[in-house]
Amino acid sequence: MGSLEVSKEAHKSKGSNQDDIYTGDGTVDFHGRPAIRDQTGKGVAGIIILLNQGLATLAFFGVGVNLVLFLTRVLQQNNAYAANSVSKWTGTVYIFSLVGAFLSDSYWGRYKTCAIFQAIFVIGLVLLSLTTQIFLLKPRGCGDETTPCESHSSWVIGLFYISIYMVALGNGGYQPNIATFGADQFDEEDPKEGYSKVAFFSYFYLALNLGSLFSNTILGYFEDEGMWALGFWASTASAFAALVLFLGGTKRYRFLDRAAFVTSRELDQLKQNEYNPWRLCPISQVEENKGMRMNTKISNFRIPAASMSSFDIVSVAIVIFLYRRVLDPLVHRIRKKGLTELQRMGIGLIIAIMAMLSAGIVECYRLKYAQKDCKHCQGSSSLSIFWQVPQYALIGASEVFMYVGQLEFFNAQAPDGLKSFGSALCMTSISLGNYVSSLLVSIVMKISTIDNMPGWIPRNLNKGHLDRFYFLLAGLTAIDLILYIACATWYKSMKLRGKCCENKEDQVYGV
């Protein structure tokens, strides 16, 4: 790869104007030549990657958003066991992100890793769709709220788990690399592109949420009505479209696989001997079951409980817009540096505590209505499901500050050759939260069912105390916030490399 730098230096030596032709961060095009600024990367490549992320997310959440209901209705698992199964599956998705990041940073590079794992993702979805349609939905038409499916043989259940864990492997290995690969499309040595790179992470998370919007509404409705095969095949089509779109943009991409070569700046540093070698509160699985026990009707139309997470997505879109266009410029007028990544993550934890408290209060009122209406009936509470809107809106706001802040933090603080691994660490923190959530549900049910009590999260939630579980989560998140503040105060941030912060007038708020 050393010849690439020689080639680039030869071009630059022809005149100072050549500096504006090529990127300054060492990126190359698909053919291994120095990347020409106006012909690669930037907006077009960024938009392709954002669309790819949206379609892939649609496919992933087309499976994940109603997986608890699928396990309870089709595989006949109880609520607690199904919630634990989904938490473990979701946690495994993020553990696989470490595998993808390792292969990307050490061997394959980001582009190849993204392509391979997206292909695995598509294969897993095809297998899941076939297994569901041919083997699991028996008798025909089962899987809705009123028609349970028959029991299945162990090999059919094994085939189902193989398919969903292939989906986990494909999506997990792809996710940390696509975020970093998208950031590579913006030259951090250029002031305007540098700020667009920072904005990219916000729009990346927005694309992720918009992709899940269709899953949480349209696909969620079809799956809630028992049309599981249709939902899974729609997810498969979306994943395939995402893969085709990603491959179609190949010639437009910039490639910065830093483990393979060094830039001219790093070469000069070597010559001069200057080179220096918890997210805790996933509640969506329990929320789906809680929503099913509330009044889900508007007139004669029944709202799928999983569709309530659409308010999370709408909240994410609104908060990202307000942050990029209103809050961030306002804070920059007060503080030149604005809010740091660590400060934004702290704000995210505070909002998460508020979300858990809101969820607990709503559950208290839901239980009161359920006891008044029919305590021993399932789905009997007359309290409207729309009382869940505030907690979903708070969760969305929390995600913007926490998740986007984490993405920017790990991308900025990780060494150039480990940026995909840095993004994977961000996802691993989510994995830790899911595994802790699964363990927490098991511990809570073990303790709360002593003396033949129904427990906090029984099959009939009207007999339980889900409100206490939410308040417990709020308390644990508060402890997490205290520990986080201590760690954030101790941490010494690295200075960002590049020129993007040198000229305040060149700030760009869009991709």
Protein backbone atom coordinates (compact mmCIF):
# COMPACT_ATOMS: atom_id res chain seq x y z
CA MET A 1 0.00 0.00 0.00
CA GLY A 2 3.01 2.26 0.30
CA SER A 3 2.87 2.92 -3.45
CA LEU A 4 -0.49 4.60 -2.96
CA GLU A 5 1.06 7.27 -0.81
CA VAL A 6 3.92 7.75 -3.28
CA SER A 7 1.35 8.15 -6.06
CA LYS A 8 -0.60 10.68 -4.07
CA GLU A 9 2.49 12.68 -3.17
CA ALA A 10 3.51 12.69 -6.85
CA HIS A 11 0.16 14.19 -7.79
CA LYS A 12 0.37 16.78 -5.03
CA SER A 13 3.86 17.86 -6.07
CA LYS A 14 2.48 19.21 -9.36
CA GLY A 15 0.98 22.18 -7.60
CA SER A 16 -0.79 23.35 -4.50
CA ASN A 17 -4.18 23.20 -6.26
CA GLN A 18 -3.86 19.42 -6.35
CA ASP A 19 -4.42 19.41 -2.57
CA ASP A 20 -8.07 20.22 -3.18
CA ILE A 21 -8.55 17.35 -5.66
CA TYR A 22 -7.79 14.47 -3.31
CA THR A 23 -8.99 13.73 0.19
CA GLY A 24 -6.57 14.53 2.98
CA ASP A 25 -7.27 11.61 5.30
CA GLY A 26 -5.64 8.82 3.27
CA THR A 27 -8.79 7.32 1.76
CA VAL A 28 -8.66 5.53 -1.59
CA ASP A 29 -11.28 4.59 -4.18
CA PHE A 30 -12.41 1.07 -5.14
CA HIS A 31 -9.40 0.61 -7.44
CA GLY A 32 -6.91 1.54 -4.71
CA ARG A 33 -6.12 4.98 -6.14
CA PRO A 34 -6.14 8.15 -4.00
CA ALA A 35 -9.78 9.19 -3.59
CA ILE A 36 -10.82 12.20 -5.66
CA ARG A 37 -12.83 14.50 -3.42
CA ASP A 38 -15.61 15.40 -5.89
CA GLN A 39 -16.08 11.90 -7.30
CA THR A 40 -16.22 9.80 -4.14
CA GLY A 41 -17.76 9.83 -0.71
CA LYS A 42 -19.65 12.77 0.79
CA GLY A 43 -23.38 13.18 0.26
CA VAL A 44 -24.10 10.52 -2.38
CA ALA A 45 -22.19 7.75 -0.62
CA GLY A 46 -23.58 8.86 2.72
CA ILE A 47 -27.17 8.73 1.44
CA ILE A 48 -26.63 5.25 -0.02
CA ILE A 49 -25.37 4.01 3.33
CA LEU A 50 -28.23 5.69 5.20
CA LEU A 51 -30.78 4.03 2.88
CA ASN A 52 -28.97 0.72 3.32
CA GLN A 53 -29.15 1.11 7.08
CA GLY A 54 -32.85 1.96 6.94
CA LEU A 55 -33.73 -1.09 4.84
CA ALA A 56 -31.56 -3.44 6.91
CA THR A 57 -33.12 -2.12 10.11
CA LEU A 58 -36.59 -2.60 8.67
CA ALA A 59 -35.66 -6.23 8.00
CA PHE A 60 -34.14 -6.81 11.43
CA PHE A 61 -36.98 -5.30 13.43
CA GLY A 62 -39.48 -7.04 11.19
CA VAL A 63 -38.25 -10.11 13.06
CA GLY A 64 -37.36 -8.65 16.44
CA VAL A 65 -40.21 -6.26 17.19
CA ASN A 66 -42.82 -9.00 17.68
CA LEU A 67 -40.53 -11.89 18.54
CA VAL A 68 -41.90 -12.12 22.08
CA LEU A 69 -45.42 -12.51 20.70
CA PHE A 70 -44.18 -15.07 18.17
CA LEU A 71 -42.61 -17.17 20.91
CA THR A 72 -45.72 -17.03 23.10
CA ARG A 73 -48.30 -17.61 20.34
CA VAL A 74 -46.48 -19.93 17.93
CA LEU A 75 -44.00 -21.75 20.19
CA GLN A 76 -46.26 -21.57 23.28
CA GLN A 77 -43.65 -20.07 25.64
CA ASN A 78 -44.74 -18.11 28.73
CA ASN A 79 -44.16 -14.35 29.00
CA ALA A 80 -41.09 -14.42 31.25
CA TYR A 81 -39.38 -17.22 29.29
CA ALA A 82 -40.11 -15.52 25.96
CA ALA A 83 -38.82 -12.16 27.22
CA ASN A 84 -35.64 -13.85 28.44
CA SER A 85 -35.19 -15.66 25.12
CA VAL A 86 -35.49 -12.42 23.17
CA SER A 87 -33.13 -10.59 25.55
CA LYS A 88 -30.52 -13.32 25.08
CA TRP A 89 -31.01 -13.25 21.31
CA THR A 90 -30.71 -9.45 21.20
CA GLY A 91 -27.64 -9.59 23.41
CA THR A 92 -26.08 -12.15 21.07
CA VAL A 93 -26.63 -9.78 18.14
CA TYR A 94 -24.38 -7.26 19.82
CA ILE A 95 -21.82 -9.86 20.89
CA PHE A 96 -21.51 -10.84 17.22
CA SER A 97 -20.65 -7.20 16.52
CA LEU A 98 -17.27 -7.86 18.15
CA VAL A 99 -16.68 -10.67 15.66
CA GLY A 100 -17.51 -8.40 12.74
CA ALA A 101 -15.35 -5.59 14.08
CA PHE A 102 -12.37 -7.91 14.61
CA LEU A 103 -12.59 -9.31 11.08
CA SER A 104 -13.01 -5.82 9.67
CA ASP A 105 -10.12 -4.15 11.47
CA SER A 106 -7.74 -7.10 11.21
CA TYR A 107 -8.42 -8.91 7.94
CA TRP A 108 -11.26 -8.05 5.58
CA GLY A 109 -11.77 -4.31 5.82
CA ARG A 110 -15.10 -2.59 6.40
CA TYR A 111 -16.56 -2.91 2.91
CA LYS A 112 -15.95 -6.65 2.54
CA THR A 113 -17.12 -7.34 6.09
CA CYS A 114 -20.36 -5.42 5.52
CA ALA A 115 -21.05 -7.29 2.27
CA ILE A 116 -20.37 -10.77 3.73
CA PHE A 117 -22.42 -10.31 6.89
CA GLN A 118 -25.32 -8.75 4.98
CA ALA A 119 -25.35 -11.87 2.78
CA ILE A 120 -25.49 -14.05 5.93
CA PHE A 121 -28.32 -11.83 7.17
CA VAL A 122 -30.33 -12.44 3.99
CA ILE A 123 -29.73 -16.22 4.12
CA GLY A 124 -30.89 -16.34 7.76
CA LEU A 125 -34.08 -14.45 6.89
CA VAL A 126 -34.83 -16.79 3.97
CA LEU A 127 -34.40 -19.81 6.27
CA LEU A 128 -36.60 -18.20 8.95
CA SER A 129 -39.35 -17.41 6.43
CA LEU A 130 -39.34 -20.94 4.99
CA THR A 131 -39.28 -22.57 8.44
CA THR A 132 -42.18 -20.44 9.64
CA GLN A 133 -44.33 -20.92 6.55
CA ILE A 134 -43.74 -24.66 6.09
CA PHE A 135 -43.30 -26.04 9.62
CA LEU A 136 -44.33 -23.64 12.39
CA LEU A 137 -47.71 -22.21 11.33
CA LYS A 138 -49.74 -25.37 11.92
CA PRO A 139 -52.70 -25.62 11.83
CA ARG A 140 -53.07 -23.15 8.98
CA GLY A 141 -54.09 -19.71 10.20
CA CYS A 142 -52.70 -20.14 13.72
CA GLY A 143 -50.51 -17.61 15.48
CA ASP A 144 -53.00 -14.82 16.11
CA GLU A 145 -54.39 -13.83 19.50
CA THR A 146 -57.16 -16.45 19.48
CA THR A 147 -55.71 -19.42 17.56
CA PRO A 148 -52.68 -21.10 19.18
CA CYS A 149 -50.35 -23.26 17.12
CA GLU A 150 -49.75 -26.94 17.77
CA SER A 151 -46.59 -28.21 19.46
CA HIS A 152 -43.52 -28.71 17.31
CA SER A 153 -40.78 -31.31 17.14
CA SER A 154 -37.36 -30.52 18.56
CA TRP A 155 -35.70 -30.45 15.13
CA VAL A 156 -38.20 -27.86 13.85
CA ILE A 157 -37.59 -25.68 16.90
CA GLY A 158 -33.85 -26.19 16.39
CA LEU A 159 -34.17 -25.07 12.77
CA PHE A 160 -36.04 -21.97 13.94
CA TYR A 161 -33.30 -21.06 16.42
CA ILE A 162 -30.58 -21.65 13.81
CA SER A 163 -32.34 -19.22 11.48
CA ILE A 164 -32.81 -16.43 14.02
CA TYR A 165 -29.23 -16.76 15.23
CA MET A 166 -28.03 -16.54 11.63
CA VAL A 167 -30.03 -13.31 11.48
CA ALA A 168 -28.28 -12.26 14.69
CA LEU A 169 -24.85 -13.09 13.25
CA GLY A 170 -25.51 -11.27 9.98
CA ASN A 171 -26.94 -8.14 11.54
CA GLY A 172 -24.49 -8.08 14.44
CA GLY A 173 -21.39 -8.44 12.27
CA TYR A 174 -22.65 -5.79 9.87
CA GLN A 175 -23.81 -3.03 12.23
CA PRO A 176 -20.56 -1.66 13.75
CA ASN A 177 -18.84 -1.66 10.38
CA ILE A 178 -21.53 0.15 8.41
CA ALA A 179 -21.50 3.02 10.91
CA THR A 180 -17.72 3.37 10.66
CA PHE A 181 -17.73 2.84 6.89
CA GLY A 182 -20.29 5.62 6.58
CA ALA A 183 -18.08 7.95 8.61
CA ASP A 184 -15.17 7.11 6.29
CA GLN A 185 -17.05 8.81 3.45
CA PHE A 186 -16.32 12.22 5.01
CA ASP A 187 -12.81 13.69 5.05
CA GLU A 188 -12.05 14.80 8.60
CA GLU A 189 -9.16 16.90 7.27
CA ASP A 190 -11.70 19.15 5.51
CA PRO A 191 -13.65 21.54 7.80
CA LYS A 192 -17.04 21.16 6.09
CA GLU A 193 -16.78 17.41 5.64
CA GLY A 194 -15.54 17.09 9.21
CA TYR A 195 -18.71 18.61 10.61
CA SER A 196 -20.83 16.63 8.17
CA LYS A 197 -19.13 13.53 9.55
CA VAL A 198 -20.27 14.46 13.06
CA ALA A 199 -23.81 15.09 11.76
CA PHE A 200 -23.75 11.73 9.95
CA PHE A 201 -24.03 9.80 13.21
CA SER A 202 -27.26 11.62 14.09
CA TYR A 203 -28.75 10.91 10.67
CA PHE A 204 -27.48 7.34 10.87
CA TYR A 205 -29.48 6.79 14.04
CA LEU A 206 -32.45 8.56 12.46
CA ALA A 207 -32.27 6.17 9.47
CA LEU A 208 -32.15 3.26 11.90
CA ASN A 209 -35.33 4.47 13.60
CA LEU A 210 -37.17 5.33 10.40
CA GLY A 211 -36.37 1.85 9.12
CA SER A 212 -37.94 0.33 12.21
CA LEU A 213 -41.01 2.58 11.85
CA PHE A 214 -42.43 0.41 9.04
CA SER A 215 -41.66 -2.72 11.05
CA ASN A 216 -43.38 -1.38 14.16
CA THR A 217 -46.51 -0.25 12.31
CA ILE A 218 -47.36 -2.10 9.09
CA LEU A 219 -45.39 -5.32 9.67
CA GLY A 220 -46.28 -5.21 13.36
CA TYR A 221 -49.96 -5.10 12.48
CA PHE A 222 -49.77 -8.02 10.04
CA GLU A 223 -47.77 -10.14 12.48
CA ASP A 224 -50.10 -9.29 15.34
CA GLU A 225 -52.95 -10.61 13.19
CA GLY A 226 -51.09 -13.91 12.72
CA MET A 227 -49.60 -13.23 9.27
CA TRP A 228 -46.10 -14.14 10.41
CA ALA A 229 -44.89 -15.60 7.12
CA LEU A 230 -45.87 -12.42 5.26
CA GLY A 231 -44.00 -10.29 7.78
CA PHE A 232 -40.85 -12.41 7.62
CA TRP A 233 -40.86 -12.52 3.81
CA ALA A 234 -41.23 -8.72 3.73
CA SER A 235 -38.19 -8.48 6.00
CA THR A 236 -36.28 -10.79 3.66
CA ALA A 237 -37.11 -8.62 0.65
CA SER A 238 -35.98 -5.50 2.51
CA ALA A 239 -32.66 -7.09 3.52
CA PHE A 240 -32.03 -8.23 -0.04
CA ALA A 241 -32.77 -4.71 -1.35
CA ALA A 242 -30.35 -3.29 1.23
CA LEU A 243 -27.59 -5.65 0.05
CA VAL A 244 -28.16 -4.79 -3.62
CA LEU A 245 -28.14 -1.06 -2.84
CA PHE A 246 -24.92 -1.38 -0.83
CA LEU A 247 -23.14 -3.26 -3.61
CA GLY A 248 -24.48 -0.81 -6.20
CA GLY A 249 -22.68 2.10 -4.55
CA THR A 250 -19.28 0.40 -4.56
CA LYS A 251 -17.59 2.69 -7.08
CA ARG A 252 -18.72 5.77 -5.17
CA TYR A 253 -17.26 4.76 -1.81
CA ARG A 254 -14.07 5.88 -0.11
CA PHE A 255 -12.04 3.19 1.64
CA LEU A 256 -10.03 3.78 4.79
CA ASP A 257 -8.89 0.41 6.08
CA ARG A 258 -6.20 1.80 8.30
CA ALA A 259 -4.80 -1.55 9.37
CA ALA A 260 -3.50 -2.01 5.83
CA PHE A 261 -1.56 1.20 5.21
CA VAL A 262 -0.36 4.46 6.69
CA THR A 263 -0.92 7.98 5.42
CA SER A 264 1.77 10.49 4.51
CA ARG A 265 1.21 12.31 7.79
CA GLU A 266 1.76 9.10 9.76
CA LEU A 267 4.82 8.31 7.63
CA ASP A 268 6.32 11.69 8.55
CA GLN A 269 5.55 11.04 12.20
CA LEU A 270 7.31 7.70 12.00
CA LYS A 271 10.38 9.33 10.48
CA GLN A 272 10.42 11.92 13.27
CA ASN A 273 9.77 9.30 15.98
CA GLU A 274 6.60 11.15 16.95
CA TYR A 275 4.11 8.33 16.34
CA ASN A 276 2.29 7.23 19.48
CA PRO A 277 1.70 3.60 19.26
CA TRP A 278 -24.14 0.60 30.18
CA ARG A 279 -27.05 0.77 28.93
CA LEU A 280 -29.30 -1.08 31.26
CA CYS A 281 -32.97 -0.54 30.55
CA PRO A 282 -34.39 -2.45 27.55
CA ILE A 283 -38.14 -2.56 28.30
CA SER A 284 -39.70 -3.14 24.88
CA GLN A 285 -40.21 -6.89 25.36
CA VAL A 286 -42.21 -6.39 28.55
CA GLU A 287 -43.96 -3.31 27.13
CA GLU A 288 -45.45 -5.38 24.29
CA ASN A 289 -47.14 -7.66 26.80
CA LYS A 290 -48.17 -4.72 28.98
CA GLY A 291 -49.75 -2.98 26.00
CA MET A 292 -51.75 -6.10 25.17
CA ARG A 293 -53.44 -5.77 28.59
CA MET A 294 -54.67 -2.21 27.93
CA ASN A 295 -57.45 -0.74 25.81
CA THR A 296 -55.94 -0.96 22.33
CA LYS A 297 -58.96 0.16 20.31
CA ILE A 298 -59.79 3.37 18.49
CA SER A 299 -63.38 3.02 17.35
CA ASN A 300 -63.38 -0.46 15.72
CA PHE A 301 -59.64 -0.54 14.93
CA ARG A 302 -57.30 -2.42 17.25
CA ILE A 303 -53.76 -1.08 17.63
CA PRO A 304 -50.98 -3.70 17.86
CA ALA A 305 -49.07 -3.20 21.12
CA ALA A 306 -45.74 -3.33 19.26
CA SER A 307 -46.82 -0.31 17.19
CA MET A 308 -46.54 1.89 20.28
CA SER A 309 -42.78 1.94 19.77
CA SER A 310 -43.55 4.12 16.74
CA PHE A 311 -43.81 6.98 19.21
CA ASP A 312 -40.23 6.19 20.23
CA ILE A 313 -39.22 6.58 16.57
CA VAL A 314 -41.18 9.80 16.08
CA SER A 315 -39.56 11.15 19.25
CA VAL A 316 -36.10 10.24 17.91
CA ALA A 317 -36.80 12.10 14.65
CA ILE A 318 -38.10 15.20 16.44
CA VAL A 319 -35.29 15.29 19.01
CA ILE A 320 -32.58 14.82 16.35
CA PHE A 321 -34.06 17.67 14.30
CA LEU A 322 -34.35 19.97 17.32
CA TYR A 323 -30.87 19.06 18.53
CA ARG A 324 -29.14 19.62 15.19
CA ARG A 325 -31.06 22.77 14.24
CA VAL A 326 -31.90 24.44 17.55
CA LEU A 327 -30.20 23.08 20.67
CA ASP A 328 -26.69 22.53 19.29
CA PRO A 329 -26.33 26.02 17.72
CA LEU A 330 -27.79 27.56 20.89
CA VAL A 331 -25.36 25.72 23.16
CA HIS A 332 -22.46 26.72 20.89
CA ARG A 333 -23.34 30.36 21.50
CA ILE A 334 -23.10 29.78 25.24
CA ARG A 335 -20.21 27.31 25.24
CA LYS A 336 -17.80 27.37 22.31
CA LYS A 337 -17.25 23.60 22.43
CA GLY A 338 -20.94 22.77 22.82
CA LEU A 339 -22.02 19.59 24.59
CA THR A 340 -19.37 16.88 24.61
CA GLU A 341 -20.18 13.26 23.84
CA LEU A 342 -19.83 12.36 27.53
CA GLN A 343 -22.20 15.13 28.60
CA ARG A 344 -24.81 14.00 26.08
CA MET A 345 -24.58 10.41 27.32
CA GLY A 346 -25.16 11.67 30.87
CA ILE A 347 -28.25 13.57 29.73
CA GLY A 348 -29.45 10.39 28.05
CA LEU A 349 -29.22 8.46 31.33
CA ILE A 350 -31.18 11.16 33.17
CA ILE A 351 -33.96 11.01 30.57
CA ALA A 352 -33.90 7.18 30.80
CA ILE A 353 -34.63 7.43 34.54
CA MET A 354 -37.57 9.71 33.75
CA ALA A 355 -38.84 7.17 31.19
CA MET A 356 -38.75 4.33 33.74
CA LEU A 357 -40.58 6.44 36.33
CA SER A 358 -43.20 7.34 33.72
CA ALA A 359 -43.65 3.66 32.81
CA GLY A 360 -44.05 2.72 36.47
CA ILE A 361 -46.65 5.42 37.12
CA VAL A 362 -48.68 4.42 34.04
CA GLU A 363 -48.58 0.78 35.17
CA CYS A 364 -49.90 1.78 38.61
CA TYR A 365 -52.93 3.40 36.99
CA ARG A 366 -53.35 0.48 34.56
CA LEU A 367 -53.52 -1.94 37.49
CA LYS A 368 -56.10 0.24 39.25
CA TYR A 369 -58.31 0.22 36.17
CA ALA A 370 -57.77 -3.53 35.72
CA GLN A 371 -58.79 -4.28 39.32
CA LYS A 372 -61.89 -2.14 38.89
CA ASP A 373 -62.84 -3.74 35.56
CA CYS A 374 -61.89 -7.40 36.06
CA LYS A 375 -58.74 -8.32 37.96
CA HIS A 376 -58.73 -11.97 36.87
CA CYS A 377 -59.33 -11.23 33.18
CA GLN A 378 -56.50 -10.80 30.70
CA GLY A 379 -56.51 -7.67 28.56
CA SER A 380 -59.31 -6.17 30.68
CA SER A 381 -57.94 -2.74 31.65
CA SER A 382 -59.95 0.11 30.17
CA LEU A 383 -57.00 2.50 30.46
CA SER A 384 -56.07 3.67 26.96
CA ILE A 385 -52.83 2.36 25.49
CA PHE A 386 -51.95 5.94 24.54
CA TRP A 387 -50.96 6.62 28.15
CA GLN A 388 -47.74 4.83 27.16
CA VAL A 389 -46.86 7.62 24.70
CA PRO A 390 -44.89 9.78 27.21
CA GLN A 391 -42.58 6.94 28.25
CA TYR A 392 -41.88 6.01 24.62
CA ALA A 393 -41.19 9.66 23.78
CA LEU A 394 -38.76 9.87 26.71
CA ILE A 395 -37.06 6.65 25.63
CA GLY A 396 -36.60 8.11 22.13
CA ALA A 397 -35.07 11.30 23.52
CA SER A 398 -32.80 9.25 25.77
CA GLU A 399 -31.60 7.15 22.83
CA VAL A 400 -30.66 10.23 20.79
CA PHE A 401 -28.41 11.59 23.52
CA MET A 402 -27.03 8.22 24.65
CA TYR A 403 -26.68 6.18 21.46
CA VAL A 404 -25.57 8.96 19.11
CA GLY A 405 -23.21 10.26 21.79
CA GLN A 406 -21.73 6.77 22.17
CA LEU A 407 -21.25 6.37 18.41
CA GLU A 408 -19.45 9.71 18.15
CA PHE A 409 -17.40 9.02 21.29
CA PHE A 410 -16.08 5.62 20.21
CA ASN A 411 -15.43 6.79 16.65
CA ALA A 412 -13.51 9.84 17.86
CA GLN A 413 -11.56 8.18 20.67
CA ALA A 414 -10.67 4.85 19.04
CA PRO A 415 -7.36 4.59 17.13
CA ASP A 416 -7.73 4.73 13.36
CA GLY A 417 -7.15 1.00 12.94
CA LEU A 418 -9.73 0.09 15.60
CA LYS A 419 -12.70 2.31 14.77
CA SER A 420 -14.98 -0.61 13.85
CA PHE A 421 -14.01 -2.24 17.12
CA GLY A 422 -14.91 1.01 18.87
CA SER A 423 -18.38 0.94 17.32
CA ALA A 424 -18.66 -2.70 18.37
CA LEU A 425 -17.87 -1.71 21.96
CA CYS A 426 -20.80 0.70 21.77
CA MET A 427 -23.03 -2.18 20.70
CA THR A 428 -21.51 -4.48 23.32
CA SER A 429 -22.72 -2.12 26.04
CA ILE A 430 -26.23 -2.68 24.67
CA SER A 431 -25.57 -6.43 24.74
CA LEU A 432 -24.56 -6.21 28.38
CA GLY A 433 -27.82 -4.43 29.12
CA ASN A 434 -29.84 -7.18 27.45
CA TYR A 435 -28.07 -9.96 29.32
CA VAL A 436 -28.43 -8.11 32.62
CA SER A 437 -32.09 -7.53 31.77
CA SER A 438 -32.59 -11.25 31.20
CA LEU A 439 -30.85 -12.06 34.49
CA LEU A 440 -32.84 -9.38 36.29
CA VAL A 441 -36.18 -10.75 35.06
CA SER A 442 -35.19 -14.24 36.25
CA ILE A 443 -34.10 -12.97 39.68
CA VAL A 444 -37.21 -10.83 40.10
CA MET A 445 -39.51 -13.72 39.17
CA LYS A 446 -37.61 -16.11 41.45
CA ILE A 447 -37.91 -13.82 44.46
CA SER A 448 -41.41 -12.48 43.78
CA THR A 449 -42.96 -15.96 43.37
CA ILE A 450 -41.94 -17.13 46.86
CA ASP A 451 -44.88 -18.49 48.92
CA ASN A 452 -46.86 -19.24 45.75
CA MET A 453 -47.27 -15.56 44.89
CA PRO A 454 -47.98 -14.77 41.20
CA GLY A 455 -44.81 -12.68 40.90
CA TRP A 456 -44.20 -9.25 39.40
CA ILE A 457 -44.40 -10.42 35.75
CA PRO A 458 -46.92 -13.31 35.58
CA ARG A 459 -48.72 -14.49 32.45
CA ASN A 460 -51.73 -12.40 33.54
CA LEU A 461 -50.12 -9.03 34.19
CA ASN A 462 -53.26 -7.85 36.00
CA LYS A 463 -52.24 -10.13 38.88
CA GLY A 464 -48.64 -8.90 38.93
CA HIS A 465 -46.69 -5.78 39.86
CA LEU A 466 -44.92 -4.63 36.72
CA ASP A 467 -44.89 -1.14 38.22
CA ARG A 468 -42.39 -2.28 40.86
CA PHE A 469 -40.18 -3.71 38.12
CA TYR A 470 -40.07 -0.33 36.36
CA PHE A 471 -39.27 1.50 39.58
CA LEU A 472 -36.48 -1.03 40.18
CA LEU A 473 -35.10 -0.22 36.71
CA ALA A 474 -35.26 3.50 37.51
CA GLY A 475 -33.27 2.92 40.69
CA LEU A 476 -30.66 0.80 38.92
CA THR A 477 -30.31 3.41 36.17
CA ALA A 478 -29.81 6.09 38.83
CA ILE A 479 -26.96 4.02 40.30
CA ASP A 480 -25.60 3.61 36.77
CA LEU A 481 -25.72 7.41 36.34
CA ILE A 482 -23.69 7.97 39.52
CA LEU A 483 -21.04 5.47 38.41
CA TYR A 484 -21.04 6.99 34.93
CA ILE A 485 -20.45 10.51 36.26
CA ALA A 486 -17.49 9.22 38.28
CA CYS A 487 -15.97 7.50 35.23
CA ALA A 488 -16.66 10.44 32.90
CA THR A 489 -15.00 12.84 35.34
CA TRP A 490 -11.94 10.60 35.53
CA TYR A 491 -11.66 10.06 31.77
CA LYS A 492 -9.31 12.34 29.81
CA SER A 493 -10.59 12.85 26.27
CA MET A 494 -8.26 12.59 23.27
CA LYS A 495 -8.10 15.57 20.94
CA LEU A 496 -9.82 14.99 17.62
CA ARG A 497 -7.45 14.62 14.72
CA GLY A 498 -8.03 16.88 11.76
CA LYS A 499 -9.07 20.42 11.00
CA CYS A 500 -12.81 20.19 11.43
CA CYS A 501 -12.83 22.25 14.59
CA GLU A 502 -10.47 25.00 13.53
CA ASN A 503 -12.92 27.22 11.67
CA LYS A 504 -16.25 27.79 13.42
CA GLU A 505 -17.69 29.56 10.39
CA ASP A 506 -17.39 26.39 8.33
CA GLN A 507 -19.75 24.46 10.58
CA VAL A 508 -22.18 22.27 8.65
CA TYR A 509 -25.22 20.73 10.33
CA GLY A 510 -26.34 18.40 7.58
CA VAL A 511 -24.85 15.50 5.70
